[in-house]
Amino acid sequence: LELTVWVPKLPLQIELSDSKLSQVKGWRVPILPDRRSTRDSEDEDEEERSKTRGCTLQYQHALIRVFTQFHTTSSEGTDQVITMLGSEWSVDVTDLVSDFMRVADTRIAQIMEGNILAGREPGT
């Protein structure tokens, strides 16, 4: 039995649809109350539950895409590296790695729906 194992090239290439997530001028979004506190207090009426706790600024969102190349060594016993589809091609592996993506500072940005980066406040 002969197998070929394709290995992703590291580091992965991360691309953003917009590298600067600016504040959207004049757009504010409501800050919803903590859902745990409304669940615990059953005597509050529906109007109290629907109240917001102010508004916050809205920042742009960007689509995250992650790419890599896959490579293997020659099956002929040489150490020649072979790249899947050729050296100009990269494979979109976003769906495979989205559960493992993290933001270093969640006060500045957050990942939503696995592949959307949302700004939260100014920072780098």
PDB file of N, CA and C in Angstrom:
ATOM      1  N   LEU A   1       0.849  -1.180   0.000  1.00  0.00           N
ATOM      2  CA  LEU A   1       0.000   0.000   0.000  1.00  0.00           C
ATOM      3  C   LEU A   1       0.891   1.238   0.000  1.00  0.00           C
ATOM      4  N   GLU A   2       0.674   2.111  -0.932  1.00  0.00           N
ATOM      5  CA  GLU A   2       1.454   3.342  -1.019  1.00  0.00           C
ATOM      6  C   GLU A   2       0.533   4.535  -0.754  1.00  0.00           C
ATOM      7  N   LEU A   3       0.911   5.383   0.179  1.00  0.00           N
ATOM      8  CA  LEU A   3       0.137   6.573   0.536  1.00  0.00           C
ATOM      9  C   LEU A   3       0.965   7.822   0.295  1.00  0.00           C
ATOM     10  N   THR A   4       0.274   8.886  -0.076  1.00  0.00           N
ATOM     11  CA  THR A   4       0.915  10.192  -0.153  1.00  0.00           C
ATOM     12  C   THR A   4       0.267  11.078   0.897  1.00  0.00           C
ATOM     13  N   VAL A   5       1.066  11.650   1.768  1.00  0.00           N
ATOM     14  CA  VAL A   5       0.560  12.528   2.821  1.00  0.00           C
ATOM     15  C   VAL A   5       0.908  13.962   2.441  1.00  0.00           C
ATOM     16  N   TRP A   6      -0.132  14.790   2.331  1.00  0.00           N
ATOM     17  CA  TRP A   6       0.041  16.207   2.006  1.00  0.00           C
ATOM     18  C   TRP A   6       0.012  17.000   3.296  1.00  0.00           C
ATOM     19  N   VAL A   7       0.996  17.847   3.501  1.00  0.00           N
ATOM     20  CA  VAL A   7       1.158  18.608   4.739  1.00  0.00           C
ATOM     21  C   VAL A   7       0.973  20.097   4.432  1.00  0.00           C
ATOM     22  N   PRO A   8       0.209  20.818   5.279  1.00  0.00           N
ATOM     23  CA  PRO A   8       0.048  22.260   5.037  1.00  0.00           C
ATOM     24  C   PRO A   8       1.346  23.011   5.315  1.00  0.00           C
ATOM     25  N   LYS A   9       1.602  24.001   4.496  1.00  0.00           N
ATOM     26  CA  LYS A   9       2.781  24.854   4.687  1.00  0.00           C
ATOM     27  C   LYS A   9       2.453  25.888   5.762  1.00  0.00           C
ATOM     28  N   LEU A  10       3.333  26.013   6.735  1.00  0.00           N
ATOM     29  CA  LEU A  10       3.145  26.979   7.823  1.00  0.00           C
ATOM     30  C   LEU A  10       4.156  28.101   7.691  1.00  0.00           C
ATOM     31  N   PRO A  11       3.865  29.295   8.114  1.00  0.00           N
ATOM     32  CA  PRO A  11       2.607  29.725   8.725  1.00  0.00           C
ATOM     33  C   PRO A  11       1.507  29.868   7.676  1.00  0.00           C
ATOM     34  N   LEU A  12       0.264  29.777   8.137  1.00  0.00           N
ATOM     35  CA  LEU A  12      -0.877  29.968   7.259  1.00  0.00           C
ATOM     36  C   LEU A  12      -0.955  31.435   6.839  1.00  0.00           C
ATOM     37  N   GLN A  13      -1.527  31.683   5.669  1.00  0.00           N
ATOM     38  CA  GLN A  13      -1.677  33.057   5.165  1.00  0.00           C
ATOM     39  C   GLN A  13      -3.078  33.546   5.522  1.00  0.00           C
ATOM     40  N   ILE A  14      -3.147  34.629   6.270  1.00  0.00           N
ATOM     41  CA  ILE A  14      -4.440  35.189   6.673  1.00  0.00           C
ATOM     42  C   ILE A  14      -4.689  36.451   5.861  1.00  0.00           C
ATOM     43  N   GLU A  15      -5.854  36.520   5.219  1.00  0.00           N
ATOM     44  CA  GLU A  15      -6.230  37.695   4.441  1.00  0.00           C
ATOM     45  C   GLU A  15      -7.508  38.285   5.009  1.00  0.00           C
ATOM     46  N   LEU A  16      -7.542  39.612   5.104  1.00  0.00           N
ATOM     47  CA  LEU A  16      -8.732  40.332   5.550  1.00  0.00           C
ATOM     48  C   LEU A  16      -9.280  41.146   4.393  1.00  0.00           C
ATOM     49  N   SER A  17     -10.605  41.210   4.273  1.00  0.00           N
ATOM     50  CA  SER A  17     -11.203  42.007   3.206  1.00  0.00           C
ATOM     51  C   SER A  17     -10.946  43.492   3.419  1.00  0.00           C
ATOM     52  N   ASP A  18     -10.690  43.895   4.669  1.00  0.00           N
ATOM     53  CA  ASP A  18     -10.362  45.286   4.996  1.00  0.00           C
ATOM     54  C   ASP A  18      -9.426  45.251   6.201  1.00  0.00           C
ATOM     55  N   SER A  19      -8.237  45.797   6.055  1.00  0.00           N
ATOM     56  CA  SER A  19      -7.264  45.714   7.145  1.00  0.00           C
ATOM     57  C   SER A  19      -7.429  46.818   8.188  1.00  0.00           C
ATOM     58  N   LYS A  20      -8.281  47.802   7.923  1.00  0.00           N
ATOM     59  CA  LYS A  20      -8.541  48.870   8.888  1.00  0.00           C
ATOM     60  C   LYS A  20     -10.038  48.916   9.158  1.00  0.00           C
ATOM     61  N   LEU A  21     -10.419  48.596  10.385  1.00  0.00           N
ATOM     62  CA  LEU A  21     -11.830  48.579  10.762  1.00  0.00           C
ATOM     63  C   LEU A  21     -12.178  49.880  11.465  1.00  0.00           C
ATOM     64  N   SER A  22     -12.656  50.839  10.698  1.00  0.00           N
ATOM     65  CA  SER A  22     -12.946  52.181  11.208  1.00  0.00           C
ATOM     66  C   SER A  22     -14.320  52.241  11.864  1.00  0.00           C
ATOM     67  N   GLN A  23     -14.489  53.260  12.676  1.00  0.00           N
ATOM     68  CA  GLN A  23     -15.788  53.522  13.277  1.00  0.00           C
ATOM     69  C   GLN A  23     -16.736  53.977  12.179  1.00  0.00           C
ATOM     70  N   VAL A  24     -17.969  53.486  12.226  1.00  0.00           N
ATOM     71  CA  VAL A  24     -18.990  53.922  11.275  1.00  0.00           C
ATOM     72  C   VAL A  24     -19.631  55.181  11.865  1.00  0.00           C
ATOM     73  N   LYS A  25     -19.385  56.310  11.230  1.00  0.00           N
ATOM     74  CA  LYS A  25     -19.859  57.605  11.752  1.00  0.00           C
ATOM     75  C   LYS A  25     -21.382  57.644  11.838  1.00  0.00           C
ATOM     76  N   GLY A  26     -21.889  58.064  12.984  1.00  0.00           N
ATOM     77  CA  GLY A  26     -23.322  58.250  13.176  1.00  0.00           C
ATOM     78  C   GLY A  26     -24.106  56.966  13.400  1.00  0.00           C
ATOM     79  N   TRP A  27     -23.439  55.841  13.534  1.00  0.00           N
ATOM     80  CA  TRP A  27     -24.155  54.580  13.731  1.00  0.00           C
ATOM     81  C   TRP A  27     -23.813  54.032  15.107  1.00  0.00           C
ATOM     82  N   ARG A  28     -24.816  53.900  15.921  1.00  0.00           N
ATOM     83  CA  ARG A  28     -24.657  53.326  17.254  1.00  0.00           C
ATOM     84  C   ARG A  28     -25.581  52.119  17.366  1.00  0.00           C
ATOM     85  N   VAL A  29     -25.144  51.136  18.147  1.00  0.00           N
ATOM     86  CA  VAL A  29     -25.957  49.939  18.352  1.00  0.00           C
ATOM     87  C   VAL A  29     -26.285  49.815  19.833  1.00  0.00           C
ATOM     88  N   PRO A  30     -27.497  49.323  20.142  1.00  0.00           N
ATOM     89  CA  PRO A  30     -27.882  49.194  21.555  1.00  0.00           C
ATOM     90  C   PRO A  30     -27.063  48.132  22.268  1.00  0.00           C
ATOM     91  N   ILE A  31     -26.800  48.405  23.544  1.00  0.00           N
ATOM     92  CA  ILE A  31     -26.154  47.414  24.405  1.00  0.00           C
ATOM     93  C   ILE A  31     -27.287  46.667  25.096  1.00  0.00           C
ATOM     94  N   LEU A  32     -27.408  45.387  24.813  1.00  0.00           N
ATOM     95  CA  LEU A  32     -28.492  44.600  25.386  1.00  0.00           C
ATOM     96  C   LEU A  32     -28.156  44.204  26.811  1.00  0.00           C
ATOM     97  N   PRO A  33     -29.181  44.092  27.658  1.00  0.00           N
ATOM     98  CA  PRO A  33     -28.922  43.686  29.042  1.00  0.00           C
ATOM     99  C   PRO A  33     -28.403  42.256  29.090  1.00  0.00           C
ATOM    100  N   ASP A  34     -27.732  41.937  30.173  1.00  0.00           N
ATOM    101  CA  ASP A  34     -27.208  40.592  30.382  1.00  0.00           C
ATOM    102  C   ASP A  34     -28.370  39.610  30.458  1.00  0.00           C
ATOM    103  N   ARG A  35     -28.385  38.617  29.591  1.00  0.00           N
ATOM    104  CA  ARG A  35     -29.506  37.667  29.516  1.00  0.00           C
ATOM    105  C   ARG A  35     -29.629  36.813  30.783  1.00  0.00           C
ATOM    106  N   ARG A  36     -28.520  36.556  31.457  1.00  0.00           N
ATOM    107  CA  ARG A  36     -28.586  35.751  32.675  1.00  0.00           C
ATOM    108  C   ARG A  36     -29.412  36.450  33.746  1.00  0.00           C
ATOM    109  N   SER A  37     -29.259  37.761  33.884  1.00  0.00           N
ATOM    110  CA  SER A  37     -29.986  38.473  34.930  1.00  0.00           C
ATOM    111  C   SER A  37     -31.481  38.498  34.632  1.00  0.00           C
ATOM    112  N   THR A  38     -31.892  38.552  33.364  1.00  0.00           N
ATOM    113  CA  THR A  38     -33.320  38.566  33.051  1.00  0.00           C
ATOM    114  C   THR A  38     -33.927  37.185  33.242  1.00  0.00           C
ATOM    115  N   ARG A  39     -33.164  36.135  33.039  1.00  0.00           N
ATOM    116  CA  ARG A  39     -33.675  34.785  33.241  1.00  0.00           C
ATOM    117  C   ARG A  39     -33.892  34.517  34.728  1.00  0.00           C
ATOM    118  N   ASP A  40     -33.027  35.041  35.567  1.00  0.00           N
ATOM    119  CA  ASP A  40     -33.089  34.767  36.996  1.00  0.00           C
ATOM    120  C   ASP A  40     -34.232  35.501  37.693  1.00  0.00           C
ATOM    121  N   SER A  41     -34.623  36.647  37.185  1.00  0.00           N
ATOM    122  CA  SER A  41     -35.659  37.434  37.858  1.00  0.00           C
ATOM    123  C   SER A  41     -36.958  37.341  37.066  1.00  0.00           C
ATOM    124  N   GLU A  42     -37.838  36.458  37.506  1.00  0.00           N
ATOM    125  CA  GLU A  42     -39.071  36.201  36.775  1.00  0.00           C
ATOM    126  C   GLU A  42     -40.140  37.266  37.013  1.00  0.00           C
ATOM    127  N   ASP A  43     -40.030  38.077  38.073  1.00  0.00           N
ATOM    128  CA  ASP A  43     -41.058  39.045  38.370  1.00  0.00           C
ATOM    129  C   ASP A  43     -40.935  40.328  37.561  1.00  0.00           C
ATOM    130  N   GLU A  44     -39.868  40.483  36.753  1.00  0.00           N
ATOM    131  CA  GLU A  44     -39.748  41.654  35.887  1.00  0.00           C
ATOM    132  C   GLU A  44     -40.728  41.516  34.747  1.00  0.00           C
ATOM    133  N   ASP A  45     -41.345  42.633  34.357  1.00  0.00           N
ATOM    134  CA  ASP A  45     -42.266  42.544  33.229  1.00  0.00           C
ATOM    135  C   ASP A  45     -41.505  42.618  31.902  1.00  0.00           C
ATOM    136  N   GLU A  46     -42.199  42.328  30.816  1.00  0.00           N
ATOM    137  CA  GLU A  46     -41.579  42.240  29.494  1.00  0.00           C
ATOM    138  C   GLU A  46     -40.953  43.569  29.075  1.00  0.00           C
ATOM    139  N   GLU A  47     -41.555  44.690  29.487  1.00  0.00           N
ATOM    140  CA  GLU A  47     -41.010  46.000  29.123  1.00  0.00           C
ATOM    141  C   GLU A  47     -39.626  46.204  29.740  1.00  0.00           C
ATOM    142  N   GLU A  48     -39.450  45.818  30.992  1.00  0.00           N
ATOM    143  CA  GLU A  48     -38.158  45.938  31.661  1.00  0.00           C
ATOM    144  C   GLU A  48     -37.115  45.077  30.971  1.00  0.00           C
ATOM    145  N   ARG A  49     -37.502  43.891  30.541  1.00  0.00           N
ATOM    146  CA  ARG A  49     -36.562  42.972  29.894  1.00  0.00           C
ATOM    147  C   ARG A  49     -36.066  43.517  28.562  1.00  0.00           C
ATOM    148  N   SER A  50     -36.920  44.235  27.860  1.00  0.00           N
ATOM    149  CA  SER A  50     -36.558  44.702  26.522  1.00  0.00           C
ATOM    150  C   SER A  50     -35.745  45.991  26.547  1.00  0.00           C
ATOM    151  N   LYS A  51     -35.616  46.630  27.703  1.00  0.00           N
ATOM    152  CA  LYS A  51     -34.836  47.864  27.782  1.00  0.00           C
ATOM    153  C   LYS A  51     -33.364  47.595  27.524  1.00  0.00           C
ATOM    154  N   THR A  52     -32.703  48.571  26.882  1.00  0.00           N
ATOM    155  CA  THR A  52     -31.272  48.437  26.631  1.00  0.00           C
ATOM    156  C   THR A  52     -30.501  49.220  27.681  1.00  0.00           C
ATOM    157  N   ARG A  53     -29.221  48.987  27.720  1.00  0.00           N
ATOM    158  CA  ARG A  53     -28.361  49.698  28.666  1.00  0.00           C
ATOM    159  C   ARG A  53     -27.492  50.692  27.927  1.00  0.00           C
ATOM    160  N   GLY A  54     -28.077  51.505  27.091  1.00  0.00           N
ATOM    161  CA  GLY A  54     -27.345  52.517  26.346  1.00  0.00           C
ATOM    162  C   GLY A  54     -26.955  52.031  24.964  1.00  0.00           C
ATOM    163  N   CYS A  55     -26.039  52.770  24.355  1.00  0.00           N
ATOM    164  CA  CYS A  55     -25.587  52.446  23.006  1.00  0.00           C
ATOM    165  C   CYS A  55     -24.058  52.461  22.957  1.00  0.00           C
ATOM    166  N   THR A  56     -23.527  51.779  21.972  1.00  0.00           N
ATOM    167  CA  THR A  56     -22.096  51.749  21.760  1.00  0.00           C
ATOM    168  C   THR A  56     -21.806  52.065  20.302  1.00  0.00           C
ATOM    169  N   LEU A  57     -20.574  52.444  20.019  1.00  0.00           N
ATOM    170  CA  LEU A  57     -20.193  52.772  18.651  1.00  0.00           C
ATOM    171  C   LEU A  57     -20.161  51.521  17.788  1.00  0.00           C
ATOM    172  N   GLN A  58     -20.441  51.693  16.500  1.00  0.00           N
ATOM    173  CA  GLN A  58     -20.383  50.583  15.546  1.00  0.00           C
ATOM    174  C   GLN A  58     -19.107  50.703  14.721  1.00  0.00           C
ATOM    175  N   TYR A  59     -18.385  49.599  14.592  1.00  0.00           N
ATOM    176  CA  TYR A  59     -17.168  49.556  13.784  1.00  0.00           C
ATOM    177  C   TYR A  59     -17.382  48.631  12.592  1.00  0.00           C
ATOM    178  N   GLN A  60     -16.564  48.810  11.574  1.00  0.00           N
ATOM    179  CA  GLN A  60     -16.662  47.992  10.379  1.00  0.00           C
ATOM    180  C   GLN A  60     -16.340  46.536  10.677  1.00  0.00           C
ATOM    181  N   HIS A  61     -16.753  45.670   9.758  1.00  0.00           N
ATOM    182  CA  HIS A  61     -16.464  44.240   9.824  1.00  0.00           C
ATOM    183  C   HIS A  61     -15.623  43.871   8.606  1.00  0.00           C
ATOM    184  N   ALA A  62     -14.834  42.816   8.727  1.00  0.00           N
ATOM    185  CA  ALA A  62     -14.022  42.335   7.610  1.00  0.00           C
ATOM    186  C   ALA A  62     -14.141  40.813   7.532  1.00  0.00           C
ATOM    187  N   LEU A  63     -14.118  40.301   6.323  1.00  0.00           N
ATOM    188  CA  LEU A  63     -14.145  38.870   6.090  1.00  0.00           C
ATOM    189  C   LEU A  63     -12.734  38.314   6.258  1.00  0.00           C
ATOM    190  N   ILE A  64     -12.594  37.229   7.021  1.00  0.00           N
ATOM    191  CA  ILE A  64     -11.301  36.570   7.228  1.00  0.00           C
ATOM    192  C   ILE A  64     -11.244  35.347   6.316  1.00  0.00           C
ATOM    193  N   ARG A  65     -10.142  35.223   5.593  1.00  0.00           N
ATOM    194  CA  ARG A  65      -9.900  34.023   4.790  1.00  0.00           C
ATOM    195  C   ARG A  65      -8.492  33.532   5.085  1.00  0.00           C
ATOM    196  N   VAL A  66      -8.350  32.217   5.213  1.00  0.00           N
ATOM    197  CA  VAL A  66      -7.067  31.614   5.549  1.00  0.00           C
ATOM    198  C   VAL A  66      -6.667  30.673   4.410  1.00  0.00           C
ATOM    199  N   PHE A  67      -5.427  30.842   3.944  1.00  0.00           N
ATOM    200  CA  PHE A  67      -4.927  30.056   2.821  1.00  0.00           C
ATOM    201  C   PHE A  67      -3.632  29.360   3.197  1.00  0.00           C
ATOM    202  N   THR A  68      -3.348  28.274   2.501  1.00  0.00           N
ATOM    203  CA  THR A  68      -2.065  27.589   2.635  1.00  0.00           C
ATOM    204  C   THR A  68      -1.794  26.801   1.361  1.00  0.00           C
ATOM    205  N   GLN A  69      -0.573  26.365   1.235  1.00  0.00           N
ATOM    206  CA  GLN A  69      -0.211  25.421   0.190  1.00  0.00           C
ATOM    207  C   GLN A  69       0.035  24.082   0.873  1.00  0.00           C
ATOM    208  N   PHE A  70      -0.202  23.000   0.147  1.00  0.00           N
ATOM    209  CA  PHE A  70       0.073  21.671   0.669  1.00  0.00           C
ATOM    210  C   PHE A  70       1.259  21.095  -0.090  1.00  0.00           C
ATOM    211  N   HIS A  71       2.119  20.413   0.641  1.00  0.00           N
ATOM    212  CA  HIS A  71       3.299  19.836  -0.005  1.00  0.00           C
ATOM    213  C   HIS A  71       3.585  18.446   0.535  1.00  0.00           C
ATOM    214  N   THR A  72       4.376  17.718  -0.204  1.00  0.00           N
ATOM    215  CA  THR A  72       4.827  16.379   0.177  1.00  0.00           C
ATOM    216  C   THR A  72       6.220  16.175  -0.401  1.00  0.00           C
ATOM    217  N   THR A  73       6.842  15.083  -0.057  1.00  0.00           N
ATOM    218  CA  THR A  73       8.142  14.752  -0.656  1.00  0.00           C
ATOM    219  C   THR A  73       7.925  13.690  -1.732  1.00  0.00           C
ATOM    220  N   SER A  74       8.836  13.602  -2.621  1.00  0.00           N
ATOM    221  CA  SER A  74       8.755  12.667  -3.735  1.00  0.00           C
ATOM    222  C   SER A  74       8.694  11.227  -3.231  1.00  0.00           C
ATOM    223  N   SER A  75       7.884  10.407  -3.871  1.00  0.00           N
ATOM    224  CA  SER A  75       7.775   8.994  -3.489  1.00  0.00           C
ATOM    225  C   SER A  75       8.934   8.160  -4.037  1.00  0.00           C
ATOM    226  N   GLU A  76       9.808   8.793  -4.770  1.00  0.00           N
ATOM    227  CA  GLU A  76      10.935   8.087  -5.379  1.00  0.00           C
ATOM    228  C   GLU A  76      12.155   8.051  -4.468  1.00  0.00           C
ATOM    229  N   GLY A  77      12.010   8.418  -3.220  1.00  0.00           N
ATOM    230  CA  GLY A  77      13.110   8.347  -2.280  1.00  0.00           C
ATOM    231  C   GLY A  77      13.986   9.589  -2.236  1.00  0.00           C
ATOM    232  N   THR A  78      13.721  10.560  -3.095  1.00  0.00           N
ATOM    233  CA  THR A  78      14.488  11.805  -3.057  1.00  0.00           C
ATOM    234  C   THR A  78      13.823  12.754  -2.074  1.00  0.00           C
ATOM    235  N   ASP A  79      14.511  13.797  -1.695  1.00  0.00           N
ATOM    236  CA  ASP A  79      13.945  14.792  -0.778  1.00  0.00           C
ATOM    237  C   ASP A  79      13.283  15.947  -1.518  1.00  0.00           C
ATOM    238  N   GLN A  80      12.954  15.744  -2.783  1.00  0.00           N
ATOM    239  CA  GLN A  80      12.321  16.794  -3.583  1.00  0.00           C
ATOM    240  C   GLN A  80      10.926  17.093  -3.028  1.00  0.00           C
ATOM    241  N   VAL A  81      10.638  18.377  -2.798  1.00  0.00           N
ATOM    242  CA  VAL A  81       9.344  18.795  -2.275  1.00  0.00           C
ATOM    243  C   VAL A  81       8.408  19.061  -3.449  1.00  0.00           C
ATOM    244  N   ILE A  82       7.211  18.480  -3.373  1.00  0.00           N
ATOM    245  CA  ILE A  82       6.199  18.661  -4.410  1.00  0.00           C
ATOM    246  C   ILE A  82       5.053  19.460  -3.803  1.00  0.00           C
ATOM    247  N   THR A  83       4.639  20.525  -4.477  1.00  0.00           N
ATOM    248  CA  THR A  83       3.537  21.371  -4.008  1.00  0.00           C
ATOM    249  C   THR A  83       2.264  21.005  -4.760  1.00  0.00           C
ATOM    250  N   MET A  84       1.192  20.754  -4.014  1.00  0.00           N
ATOM    251  CA  MET A  84      -0.089  20.404  -4.619  1.00  0.00           C
ATOM    252  C   MET A  84      -0.570  21.543  -5.511  1.00  0.00           C
ATOM    253  N   LEU A  85      -0.966  21.240  -6.706  1.00  0.00           N
ATOM    254  CA  LEU A  85      -1.493  22.171  -7.703  1.00  0.00           C
ATOM    255  C   LEU A  85      -0.453  23.150  -8.237  1.00  0.00           C
ATOM    256  N   GLY A  86       0.769  23.111  -7.779  1.00  0.00           N
ATOM    257  CA  GLY A  86       1.809  24.024  -8.237  1.00  0.00           C
ATOM    258  C   GLY A  86       2.059  25.131  -7.234  1.00  0.00           C
ATOM    259  N   SER A  87       3.208  25.767  -7.381  1.00  0.00           N
ATOM    260  CA  SER A  87       3.636  26.762  -6.379  1.00  0.00           C
ATOM    261  C   SER A  87       2.829  28.054  -6.418  1.00  0.00           C
ATOM    262  N   GLU A  88       2.063  28.313  -7.470  1.00  0.00           N
ATOM    263  CA  GLU A  88       1.267  29.552  -7.552  1.00  0.00           C
ATOM    264  C   GLU A  88      -0.093  29.409  -6.877  1.00  0.00           C
ATOM    265  N   TRP A  89      -0.477  28.196  -6.510  1.00  0.00           N
ATOM    266  CA  TRP A  89      -1.810  27.931  -5.980  1.00  0.00           C
ATOM    267  C   TRP A  89      -1.799  27.842  -4.458  1.00  0.00           C
ATOM    268  N   SER A  90      -2.848  28.393  -3.850  1.00  0.00           N
ATOM    269  CA  SER A  90      -3.097  28.233  -2.419  1.00  0.00           C
ATOM    270  C   SER A  90      -4.510  27.702  -2.244  1.00  0.00           C
ATOM    271  N   VAL A  91      -4.719  26.975  -1.180  1.00  0.00           N
ATOM    272  CA  VAL A  91      -6.022  26.383  -0.895  1.00  0.00           C
ATOM    273  C   VAL A  91      -6.663  27.161   0.255  1.00  0.00           C
ATOM    274  N   ASP A  92      -7.958  27.490   0.105  1.00  0.00           N
ATOM    275  CA  ASP A  92      -8.706  28.179   1.157  1.00  0.00           C
ATOM    276  C   ASP A  92      -9.065  27.152   2.236  1.00  0.00           C
ATOM    277  N   VAL A  93      -8.462  27.306   3.419  1.00  0.00           N
ATOM    278  CA  VAL A  93      -8.692  26.375   4.528  1.00  0.00           C
ATOM    279  C   VAL A  93      -9.449  27.041   5.678  1.00  0.00           C
ATOM    280  N   THR A  94     -10.135  28.139   5.389  1.00  0.00           N
ATOM    281  CA  THR A  94     -10.839  28.904   6.423  1.00  0.00           C
ATOM    282  C   THR A  94     -11.795  28.028   7.223  1.00  0.00           C
ATOM    283  N   ASP A  95     -12.600  27.230   6.535  1.00  0.00           N
ATOM    284  CA  ASP A  95     -13.571  26.383   7.236  1.00  0.00           C
ATOM    285  C   ASP A  95     -12.888  25.359   8.144  1.00  0.00           C
ATOM    286  N   LEU A  96     -11.703  24.930   7.769  1.00  0.00           N
ATOM    287  CA  LEU A  96     -10.985  23.929   8.565  1.00  0.00           C
ATOM    288  C   LEU A  96     -10.357  24.509   9.832  1.00  0.00           C
ATOM    289  N   VAL A  97     -10.020  25.799   9.810  1.00  0.00           N
ATOM    290  CA  VAL A  97      -9.304  26.395  10.946  1.00  0.00           C
ATOM    291  C   VAL A  97     -10.126  27.417  11.723  1.00  0.00           C
ATOM    292  N   SER A  98     -11.342  27.720  11.275  1.00  0.00           N
ATOM    293  CA  SER A  98     -12.115  28.802  11.911  1.00  0.00           C
ATOM    294  C   SER A  98     -12.392  28.546  13.393  1.00  0.00           C
ATOM    295  N   ASP A  99     -12.554  27.303  13.798  1.00  0.00           N
ATOM    296  CA  ASP A  99     -12.801  27.007  15.217  1.00  0.00           C
ATOM    297  C   ASP A  99     -11.572  27.263  16.088  1.00  0.00           C
ATOM    298  N   PHE A 100     -10.404  27.405  15.470  1.00  0.00           N
ATOM    299  CA  PHE A 100      -9.161  27.581  16.214  1.00  0.00           C
ATOM    300  C   PHE A 100      -8.634  29.020  16.165  1.00  0.00           C
ATOM    301  N   MET A 101      -9.305  29.893  15.414  1.00  0.00           N
ATOM    302  CA  MET A 101      -8.845  31.287  15.301  1.00  0.00           C
ATOM    303  C   MET A 101      -9.205  32.060  16.563  1.00  0.00           C
ATOM    304  N   ARG A 102      -8.281  32.900  17.002  1.00  0.00           N
ATOM    305  CA  ARG A 102      -8.472  33.717  18.201  1.00  0.00           C
ATOM    306  C   ARG A 102      -7.984  35.134  17.927  1.00  0.00           C
ATOM    307  N   VAL A 103      -8.542  36.088  18.650  1.00  0.00           N
ATOM    308  CA  VAL A 103      -8.101  37.475  18.610  1.00  0.00           C
ATOM    309  C   VAL A 103      -7.265  37.711  19.858  1.00  0.00           C
ATOM    310  N   ALA A 104      -6.121  38.352  19.699  1.00  0.00           N
ATOM    311  CA  ALA A 104      -5.219  38.579  20.831  1.00  0.00           C
ATOM    312  C   ALA A 104      -5.852  39.480  21.887  1.00  0.00           C
ATOM    313  N   ASP A 105      -6.551  40.524  21.475  1.00  0.00           N
ATOM    314  CA  ASP A 105      -7.170  41.461  22.426  1.00  0.00           C
ATOM    315  C   ASP A 105      -8.642  41.617  22.060  1.00  0.00           C
ATOM    316  N   THR A 106      -9.515  40.932  22.784  1.00  0.00           N
ATOM    317  CA  THR A 106     -10.944  40.951  22.465  1.00  0.00           C
ATOM    318  C   THR A 106     -11.631  42.273  22.801  1.00  0.00           C
ATOM    319  N   ARG A 107     -10.914  43.184  23.452  1.00  0.00           N
ATOM    320  CA  ARG A 107     -11.485  44.521  23.663  1.00  0.00           C
ATOM    321  C   ARG A 107     -11.467  45.309  22.359  1.00  0.00           C
ATOM    322  N   ILE A 108     -10.539  44.995  21.471  1.00  0.00           N
ATOM    323  CA  ILE A 108     -10.371  45.734  20.220  1.00  0.00           C
ATOM    324  C   ILE A 108     -11.158  45.120  19.074  1.00  0.00           C
ATOM    325  N   ALA A 109     -11.200  43.805  19.005  1.00  0.00           N
ATOM    326  CA  ALA A 109     -11.916  43.126  17.921  1.00  0.00           C
ATOM    327  C   ALA A 109     -12.394  41.768  18.399  1.00  0.00           C
ATOM    328  N   GLN A 110     -13.368  41.216  17.666  1.00  0.00           N
ATOM    329  CA  GLN A 110     -13.865  39.878  17.975  1.00  0.00           C
ATOM    330  C   GLN A 110     -14.161  39.153  16.670  1.00  0.00           C
ATOM    331  N   ILE A 111     -14.104  37.823  16.726  1.00  0.00           N
ATOM    332  CA  ILE A 111     -14.453  37.013  15.561  1.00  0.00           C
ATOM    333  C   ILE A 111     -15.888  36.553  15.739  1.00  0.00           C
ATOM    334  N   MET A 112     -16.690  36.802  14.704  1.00  0.00           N
ATOM    335  CA  MET A 112     -18.101  36.426  14.727  1.00  0.00           C
ATOM    336  C   MET A 112     -18.364  35.429  13.607  1.00  0.00           C
ATOM    337  N   GLU A 113     -19.233  34.484  13.868  1.00  0.00           N
ATOM    338  CA  GLU A 113     -19.661  33.507  12.858  1.00  0.00           C
ATOM    339  C   GLU A 113     -18.484  32.777  12.222  1.00  0.00           C
ATOM    340  N   GLY A 114     -17.368  32.677  12.919  1.00  0.00           N
ATOM    341  CA  GLY A 114     -16.238  31.900  12.451  1.00  0.00           C
ATOM    342  C   GLY A 114     -15.293  32.581  11.495  1.00  0.00           C
ATOM    343  N   ASN A 115     -15.789  33.515  10.673  1.00  0.00           N
ATOM    344  CA  ASN A 115     -14.900  34.121   9.681  1.00  0.00           C
ATOM    345  C   ASN A 115     -15.137  35.617   9.459  1.00  0.00           C
ATOM    346  N   ILE A 116     -15.741  36.285  10.419  1.00  0.00           N
ATOM    347  CA  ILE A 116     -15.956  37.733  10.313  1.00  0.00           C
ATOM    348  C   ILE A 116     -15.269  38.416  11.494  1.00  0.00           C
ATOM    349  N   LEU A 117     -14.375  39.344  11.183  1.00  0.00           N
ATOM    350  CA  LEU A 117     -13.683  40.113  12.211  1.00  0.00           C
ATOM    351  C   LEU A 117     -14.430  41.428  12.397  1.00  0.00           C
ATOM    352  N   ALA A 118     -14.876  41.687  13.612  1.00  0.00           N
ATOM    353  CA  ALA A 118     -15.637  42.899  13.920  1.00  0.00           C
ATOM    354  C   ALA A 118     -14.843  43.779  14.858  1.00  0.00           C
ATOM    355  N   GLY A 119     -14.670  45.036  14.481  1.00  0.00           N
ATOM    356  CA  GLY A 119     -14.009  45.985  15.359  1.00  0.00           C
ATOM    357  C   GLY A 119     -14.896  46.304  16.546  1.00  0.00           C
ATOM    358  N   ARG A 120     -14.268  46.593  17.692  1.00  0.00           N
ATOM    359  CA  ARG A 120     -15.029  46.922  18.900  1.00  0.00           C
ATOM    360  C   ARG A 120     -14.641  48.295  19.460  1.00  0.00           C
ATOM    361  N   GLU A 121     -13.356  48.656  19.340  1.00  0.00           N
ATOM    362  CA  GLU A 121     -12.885  49.965  19.789  1.00  0.00           C
ATOM    363  C   GLU A 121     -11.539  50.225  19.136  1.00  0.00           C
ATOM    364  N   PRO A 122     -11.055  51.462  19.194  1.00  0.00           N
ATOM    365  CA  PRO A 122      -9.757  51.767  18.547  1.00  0.00           C
ATOM    366  C   PRO A 122      -8.619  50.961  19.178  1.00  0.00           C
ATOM    367  N   GLY A 123      -7.675  50.577  18.347  1.00  0.00           N
ATOM    368  CA  GLY A 123      -6.510  49.840  18.823  1.00  0.00           C
ATOM    369  C   GLY A 123      -5.804  49.138  17.689  1.00  0.00           C
ATOM    370  N   THR A 124      -4.678  48.483  18.023  1.00  0.00           N
ATOM    371  CA  THR A 124      -3.942  47.714  17.017  1.00  0.00           C
ATOM    372  C   THR A 124      -3.648  46.322  17.520  1.00  0.00           C
TER     373      THR A 124
END
